[in-house]
C-alpha cells in the first residue's frame, strides 16, 4: 500500500488551484509545526523520567497555573515558528501579548496557538494536545495584538496535534480534514485519515456535568432530554464522555461523531464563556465545519464572531449538526 507522509501531502496541496491550495510558505510553516510537535511529543512521553512534570510556579494571562510542559512547549513553538522565515508573529494562550518577529513584518503568516491544551491532565497521563490557527498577515506595518483580531472564517489553516496512545495531527486548509499519525521510528507524520466526516446524528455527548446547577435553561432542557434516554422525548439512549481536554474530546467527535459543549453559565453572566475564541474555538470550529459538523456559541456561528481581544472567551457547542442545531433552537426559543 502506498504510504503518504505529511511532506508528500503538502506538496500535492501546492498543486491545487483555489480551495485547499497552499503556497510554499505554508508548506514551510506546517512542516515546522509538525516537527516541533514531534519534539513536544517526545518530551511528554518521557514524563517523569525527564523531570518536567508538575507546576512551573507561574500563572498565565488567564490566572491559570502553568505546568512546566506548558512553558516548554510554548517556548519551543515560539522559537521554531520565528525561524521559519514565513511567520511574522505569533500569539499564544500563555502570553499576555503577541510575539512579533522583529524586522520581519512583511512575512505572509500569523500563527495563534494553545501550546498544551488540557495541561491539567499532564501529570495523570491523559491525552493532551497542541491547537493552532493560521491567518494571513494583514501587512499593515508593525505586528500588534490587533493584527490577530480576525474572524475565524478568515483562517487559512488550522489543526491540532493530540498526544495520546498515538501522536496524531489533524489538519485543514479549507478543503476537508486530514489526519496523520506519527511514525516514531521514521520521525514523520503519515496520512492515515482522509476527508474525515462527522455524522449528522449521534448518541454521544461531552459536557462537564459538575457545572449542571449553573447552566441556563436551554442547556438544562437539552441535557435532561439526553439523560432520559429511551423513556424521554428523544426515544434513544445517549452516552456521556468527558475527558476535560478539549483537543481529546474534539478528536473523538471528529473520529466518531458526537456533540461537545462548554456553555456559559450563571456564575458570572458578564462572561460569554470559558474557552478561548482565538486559540481553541476558532481552529476547532474550522475543523469541525470542514468535516461536515456545526459549531456555534449557542447563538452565533463561532467563525463569524468578530474578535475584540486576543484572549476573548466564548461558549462552545460543536459536533454533529442535528444535535448542535437542536441546542441552537432551544436558545432561540427561550
Protein backbone atom coordinates (compact mmCIF):
# COMPACT_ATOMS: atom_id res chain seq x y z
CA UNK A 1 0.00 0.00 0.00
CA UNK A 2 1.32 3.43 -0.95
CA UNK A 3 2.38 5.46 2.06
CA UNK A 4 1.89 9.23 2.03
CA UNK A 5 3.79 11.29 4.55
CA UNK A 6 3.00 14.86 5.53
CA UNK A 7 5.58 16.36 3.15
CA UNK A 8 4.12 14.41 0.21
CA UNK A 9 0.62 15.57 1.14
CA UNK A 10 1.69 19.21 1.42
CA UNK A 11 3.45 19.10 -1.93
CA UNK A 12 0.24 17.83 -3.57
CA UNK A 13 -1.67 20.70 -1.94
CA UNK A 14 0.67 23.21 -3.62
CA UNK A 15 -0.58 21.99 -7.00
CA UNK A 16 -4.24 22.66 -6.18
CA UNK A 17 -5.91 25.76 -7.55
CA UNK A 18 -8.35 27.63 -5.32
CA UNK A 19 -9.84 25.92 -2.26
CA UNK A 20 -7.37 23.72 -0.44
CA UNK A 21 -4.41 25.04 -2.39
CA UNK A 22 -1.39 26.30 -0.46
CA UNK A 23 1.85 28.08 -1.25
CA UNK A 24 5.44 27.13 -0.49
CA UNK A 25 5.45 29.35 2.61
CA UNK A 26 2.57 27.36 4.10
CA UNK A 27 4.49 24.14 3.48
CA UNK A 28 7.41 25.52 5.49
CA UNK A 29 5.09 26.64 8.30
CA UNK A 30 3.23 23.34 8.65
CA UNK A 31 6.40 21.27 8.46
CA UNK A 32 7.91 23.41 11.23
CA UNK A 33 4.76 22.99 13.34
CA UNK A 34 4.80 19.21 12.79
CA UNK A 35 8.49 18.89 13.63
CA UNK A 36 8.14 20.96 16.79
CA UNK A 37 5.11 18.95 17.90
CA UNK A 38 7.10 15.77 17.32
CA UNK A 39 9.68 17.05 19.81
CA UNK A 40 6.95 18.14 22.24
CA UNK A 41 5.53 14.62 21.96
CA UNK A 42 8.92 13.14 22.84
CA UNK A 43 9.11 15.32 25.96
CA UNK A 44 5.60 14.38 27.01
CA UNK A 45 6.25 10.67 26.59
CA UNK A 46 9.37 10.88 28.77
CA UNK A 47 7.20 12.35 31.53
CA UNK A 48 8.67 11.96 35.00
CA UNK A 49 11.84 10.44 33.50
CA UNK A 50 12.74 13.88 32.17
CA UNK A 51 11.84 15.67 35.40
CA UNK A 52 9.48 18.05 33.61
CA UNK A 53 6.13 17.25 35.20
CA UNK A 54 4.38 19.41 37.79
CA UNK A 55 3.79 23.12 38.16
CA UNK A 56 6.13 25.77 36.81
CA UNK A 57 5.20 28.01 39.75
CA UNK A 58 3.80 30.69 37.45
CA UNK A 59 0.43 31.77 36.07
CA UNK A 60 -0.63 32.63 32.51
CA UNK A 61 -2.61 35.69 31.46
CA UNK A 62 -5.87 33.96 32.47
CA UNK A 63 -4.58 33.41 36.01
CA UNK A 64 -4.21 29.66 35.49
CA UNK A 65 -1.29 27.78 37.00
CA UNK A 66 1.21 26.86 34.31
CA UNK A 67 2.71 23.39 34.11
CA UNK A 68 6.40 23.03 33.28
CA UNK A 69 5.46 21.48 29.96
CA UNK A 70 3.17 24.45 29.17
CA UNK A 71 6.18 26.72 29.30
CA UNK A 72 8.49 24.31 27.48
CA UNK A 73 6.03 23.72 24.63
CA UNK A 74 5.28 27.44 24.34
CA UNK A 75 8.97 28.35 24.06
CA UNK A 76 9.63 25.58 21.53
CA UNK A 77 6.84 26.80 19.26
CA UNK A 78 7.82 30.46 19.50
CA UNK A 79 11.42 29.70 18.59
CA UNK A 80 10.61 27.26 15.80
CA UNK A 81 7.99 29.43 14.08
CA UNK A 82 10.15 32.56 14.29
CA UNK A 83 12.92 30.72 12.44
CA UNK A 84 10.74 29.59 9.53
CA UNK A 85 11.18 32.78 7.54
CA UNK A 86 7.43 32.84 6.79
CA UNK A 87 5.83 33.79 10.14
CA UNK A 88 5.62 37.49 11.03
CA UNK A 89 4.26 36.98 14.52
CA UNK A 90 2.75 34.54 16.99
CA UNK A 91 0.13 34.75 19.71
CA UNK A 92 -0.14 32.19 22.48
CA UNK A 93 -2.62 31.42 25.20
CA UNK A 94 0.36 31.54 27.58
CA UNK A 95 1.43 35.11 26.70
CA UNK A 96 -0.17 38.42 27.65
CA UNK A 97 0.53 39.95 24.22
CA UNK A 98 1.56 38.78 20.79
CA UNK A 99 5.17 37.93 19.95
CA UNK A 100 6.22 39.69 16.70
CA UNK A 101 9.30 38.55 14.81
CA UNK A 102 11.16 41.86 14.86
CA UNK A 103 12.11 43.25 11.48
CA UNK A 104 10.07 40.61 9.67
CA UNK A 105 6.70 42.34 9.41
CA UNK A 106 6.41 41.51 5.70
CA UNK A 107 6.29 37.74 6.21
CA UNK A 108 3.00 36.24 4.98
CA UNK A 109 1.53 34.46 8.02
CA UNK A 110 0.47 34.89 11.64
CA UNK A 111 0.04 31.89 13.95
CA UNK A 112 -2.02 31.56 17.12
CA UNK A 113 -1.67 28.51 19.33
CA UNK A 114 -2.53 26.83 22.58
CA UNK A 115 0.78 25.04 23.22
CA UNK A 116 -0.65 22.38 25.55
CA UNK A 117 -4.43 22.19 25.73
CA UNK A 118 -5.68 20.16 28.69
CA UNK A 119 -2.41 20.62 30.55
CA UNK A 120 -4.09 19.97 33.91
CA UNK A 121 -4.13 16.34 32.74
CA UNK A 122 -0.38 16.11 32.11
CA UNK A 123 0.52 14.65 35.49
CA UNK A 124 -2.20 11.97 35.33
CA UNK A 125 -1.20 10.71 31.84
CA UNK A 126 -4.38 11.71 30.00
CA UNK A 127 -4.35 12.82 26.34
CA UNK A 128 -3.46 16.48 25.79
CA UNK A 129 -2.64 18.44 22.65
CA UNK A 130 -1.42 21.47 20.72
CA UNK A 131 -4.00 23.57 18.82
CA UNK A 132 -3.05 26.10 16.15
CA UNK A 133 -4.63 28.61 13.79
CA UNK A 134 -3.00 30.30 10.78
CA UNK A 135 -4.02 33.74 9.48
CA UNK A 136 -2.84 35.91 6.64
CA UNK A 137 -0.65 38.76 7.78
CA UNK A 138 -2.67 41.95 7.08
CA UNK A 139 0.66 43.69 6.37
CA UNK A 140 -0.31 46.95 8.00
CA UNK A 141 3.14 47.65 9.30
CA UNK A 142 4.13 46.62 12.81
CA UNK A 143 2.63 43.39 14.17
CA UNK A 144 0.40 44.16 17.16
CA UNK A 145 -2.37 42.35 19.03
CA UNK A 146 -4.85 43.94 16.62
CA UNK A 147 -3.16 42.21 13.68
CA UNK A 148 -4.53 38.91 15.00
CA UNK A 149 -8.10 40.09 15.59
CA UNK A 150 -9.59 38.44 12.51
CA UNK A 151 -12.84 36.48 12.43
CA UNK A 152 -12.50 32.71 12.33
CA UNK A 153 -13.78 32.41 8.77
CA UNK A 154 -10.59 34.16 7.58
CA UNK A 155 -8.36 31.32 8.80
CA UNK A 156 -6.25 29.82 6.02
CA UNK A 157 -5.27 26.74 8.00
CA UNK A 158 -5.98 25.16 11.37
CA UNK A 159 -5.15 21.98 13.15
CA UNK A 160 -4.15 20.22 16.30
CA UNK A 161 -1.79 17.53 17.47
CA UNK A 162 -3.13 15.13 20.09
CA UNK A 163 -0.61 13.37 22.31
CA UNK A 164 -2.19 10.10 23.34
CA UNK A 165 -1.58 6.38 22.73
CA UNK A 166 -0.57 7.62 19.28
CA UNK A 167 0.52 11.14 18.40
CA UNK A 168 -1.78 12.38 15.65
CA UNK A 169 -2.03 15.62 13.67
CA UNK A 170 -5.37 16.73 12.24
CA UNK A 171 -5.25 19.47 9.63
CA UNK A 172 -7.37 21.54 7.27
CA UNK A 173 -6.66 24.15 4.59
CA UNK A 174 -10.35 24.74 3.94
CA UNK A 175 -10.93 21.73 1.72
CA UNK A 176 -11.63 18.81 4.04
CA UNK A 177 -9.95 17.43 7.16
CA UNK A 178 -6.99 15.07 7.10
CA UNK A 179 -5.39 13.03 9.86
CA UNK A 180 -1.75 11.99 10.21
CA UNK A 181 -0.16 9.57 12.67
CA UNK A 182 3.41 9.97 13.91
CA UNK A 183 5.71 7.12 12.97
CA UNK A 184 8.31 7.48 15.71
CA UNK A 185 10.89 5.24 14.06
CA UNK A 186 10.72 7.17 10.79
CA UNK A 187 10.29 10.52 12.61
CA UNK A 188 7.50 11.57 10.26
CA UNK A 189 3.74 12.04 10.20
CA UNK A 190 1.93 9.65 7.85
CA UNK A 191 -1.51 10.21 6.30
CA UNK A 192 -3.96 7.80 7.98
CA UNK A 193 -7.37 9.51 7.59
CA UNK A 194 -8.68 11.33 4.51
CA UNK A 195 -11.63 13.72 4.46
CA UNK A 196 -12.77 12.98 7.99
CA UNK A 197 -16.54 13.32 8.40
CA UNK A 198 -18.77 13.93 11.42
CA UNK A 199 -22.12 12.15 11.23
CA UNK A 200 -25.20 14.40 11.42
CA UNK A 201 -26.68 12.30 14.24
CA UNK A 202 -25.06 10.91 17.36
CA UNK A 203 -25.66 9.14 20.66
CA UNK A 204 -22.68 10.68 22.46
CA UNK A 205 -22.32 13.98 24.25
CA UNK A 206 -19.46 15.62 26.13
CA UNK A 207 -20.08 18.19 28.86
CA UNK A 208 -18.82 18.89 32.38
CA UNK A 209 -21.79 17.71 34.45
CA UNK A 210 -20.36 19.20 37.64
CA UNK A 211 -21.48 22.60 36.32
CA UNK A 212 -25.09 21.49 35.75
CA UNK A 213 -26.59 23.63 38.51
CA UNK A 214 -25.11 26.75 36.89
CA UNK A 215 -26.40 26.22 33.32
CA UNK A 216 -29.07 28.35 31.73
CA UNK A 217 -32.47 26.80 30.99
CA UNK A 218 -31.91 25.80 27.32
CA UNK A 219 -28.86 23.71 28.21
CA UNK A 220 -30.64 22.25 31.25
CA UNK A 221 -33.52 21.21 28.99
CA UNK A 222 -31.28 19.67 26.35
CA UNK A 223 -29.16 17.62 28.76
CA UNK A 224 -32.23 16.49 30.71
CA UNK A 225 -33.69 15.07 27.50
CA UNK A 226 -30.49 13.19 26.75
CA UNK A 227 -30.33 11.70 30.23
CA UNK A 228 -33.94 10.46 29.98
CA UNK A 229 -32.85 8.17 27.15
CA UNK A 230 -35.36 5.84 25.53
CA UNK A 231 -38.07 6.81 28.01
CA UNK A 232 -37.76 10.51 27.17
CA UNK A 233 -38.74 12.67 24.19
CA UNK A 234 -35.61 11.69 22.22
CA UNK A 235 -36.52 8.00 22.26
CA UNK A 236 -32.93 6.74 22.39
CA UNK A 237 -30.15 6.32 24.90
CA UNK A 238 -27.16 8.67 24.95
CA UNK A 239 -23.70 8.09 26.41
CA UNK A 240 -21.71 10.83 28.10
CA UNK A 241 -17.98 11.19 27.52
CA UNK A 242 -15.86 13.86 29.20
CA UNK A 243 -12.04 13.92 29.16
CA UNK A 244 -11.63 17.57 30.26
CA UNK A 245 -9.11 18.08 27.46
CA UNK A 246 -10.75 19.91 24.55
CA UNK A 247 -8.34 18.54 21.98
CA UNK A 248 -9.06 14.96 23.09
CA UNK A 249 -12.83 15.49 23.31
CA UNK A 250 -12.99 17.14 19.87
CA UNK A 251 -10.74 14.46 18.39
CA UNK A 252 -13.30 11.88 19.48
CA UNK A 253 -16.08 13.92 17.84
CA UNK A 254 -14.12 14.16 14.59
CA UNK A 255 -13.35 10.45 14.70
CA UNK A 256 -16.78 9.00 15.56
CA UNK A 257 -19.27 11.84 15.89
CA UNK A 258 -20.81 13.43 18.96
CA UNK A 259 -21.51 16.83 20.45
CA UNK A 260 -19.08 18.77 22.64
CA UNK A 261 -20.41 21.55 24.85
CA UNK A 262 -18.79 24.12 27.11
CA UNK A 263 -21.66 26.60 27.61
CA UNK A 264 -21.61 29.85 29.51
CA UNK A 265 -23.32 29.69 32.89
CA UNK A 266 -24.90 31.84 35.56
CA UNK A 267 -21.92 32.18 37.89
CA UNK A 268 -20.79 35.30 36.06
CA UNK A 269 -23.38 36.50 33.49
CA UNK A 270 -20.90 39.09 32.18
CA UNK A 271 -18.57 36.35 30.87
CA UNK A 272 -19.53 34.94 27.45
CA UNK A 273 -17.96 31.57 28.19
CA UNK A 274 -14.89 29.67 29.32
CA UNK A 275 -12.94 28.66 26.21
CA UNK A 276 -10.66 30.96 24.22
CA UNK A 277 -12.04 32.13 20.91
CA UNK A 278 -8.72 32.65 19.13
CA UNK A 279 -6.73 29.68 20.43
CA UNK A 280 -9.39 26.99 20.84
CA UNK A 281 -12.86 27.78 19.49
CA UNK A 282 -11.87 29.20 16.09
CA UNK A 283 -9.43 26.49 14.96
CA UNK A 284 -11.64 23.68 16.29
CA UNK A 285 -14.75 25.17 14.66
CA UNK A 286 -12.93 25.45 11.33
CA UNK A 287 -12.01 21.77 11.52
CA UNK A 288 -15.49 20.70 12.61
CA UNK A 289 -17.23 22.61 9.81
CA UNK A 290 -14.79 21.22 7.24
CA UNK A 291 -15.76 17.74 8.47
CA UNK A 292 -19.48 18.42 7.96
CA UNK A 293 -20.28 19.40 11.52
CA UNK A 294 -21.60 22.63 13.04
CA UNK A 295 -20.09 24.99 15.61
CA UNK A 296 -21.77 27.85 17.46
CA UNK A 297 -21.73 29.69 20.77
CA UNK A 298 -25.44 28.73 21.23
CA UNK A 299 -26.43 31.95 19.45
CA UNK A 300 -23.99 32.67 16.62
CA UNK A 301 -21.74 30.72 14.27
CA UNK A 302 -18.36 30.81 16.02
CA UNK A 303 -16.44 31.56 12.81
CA UNK A 304 -18.49 34.75 12.33
CA UNK A 305 -17.66 36.23 15.75
CA UNK A 306 -15.63 39.43 15.36
CA UNK A 307 -12.88 39.25 17.99
CA UNK A 308 -12.25 42.25 20.21
CA UNK A 309 -9.46 40.88 22.37
CA UNK A 310 -6.62 38.41 21.93
CA UNK A 311 -7.79 36.39 24.95
CA UNK A 312 -11.52 36.68 24.35
CA UNK A 313 -13.64 33.82 25.67
CA UNK A 314 -16.81 32.27 24.30
CA UNK A 315 -19.29 29.46 24.75
CA UNK A 316 -18.75 26.44 22.52
CA UNK A 317 -21.25 23.93 21.12
CA UNK A 318 -19.86 21.86 18.26
CA UNK A 319 -20.11 18.50 16.54
CA UNK A 320 -22.90 16.51 14.88
CA UNK A 321 -25.06 19.03 13.03
CA UNK A 322 -28.51 17.84 14.08
CA UNK A 323 -27.63 17.94 17.79
CA UNK A 324 -25.89 21.33 17.62
CA UNK A 325 -28.88 22.77 15.73
CA UNK A 326 -31.24 21.42 18.39
CA UNK A 327 -29.26 23.21 21.11
CA UNK A 328 -29.32 26.36 18.98
CA UNK A 329 -33.10 26.12 18.54
CA UNK A 330 -33.64 25.78 22.30
CA UNK A 331 -31.72 29.02 22.85
CA UNK A 332 -33.62 30.81 20.09
CA UNK A 333 -36.99 29.91 21.61
CA UNK A 334 -36.03 30.51 25.23
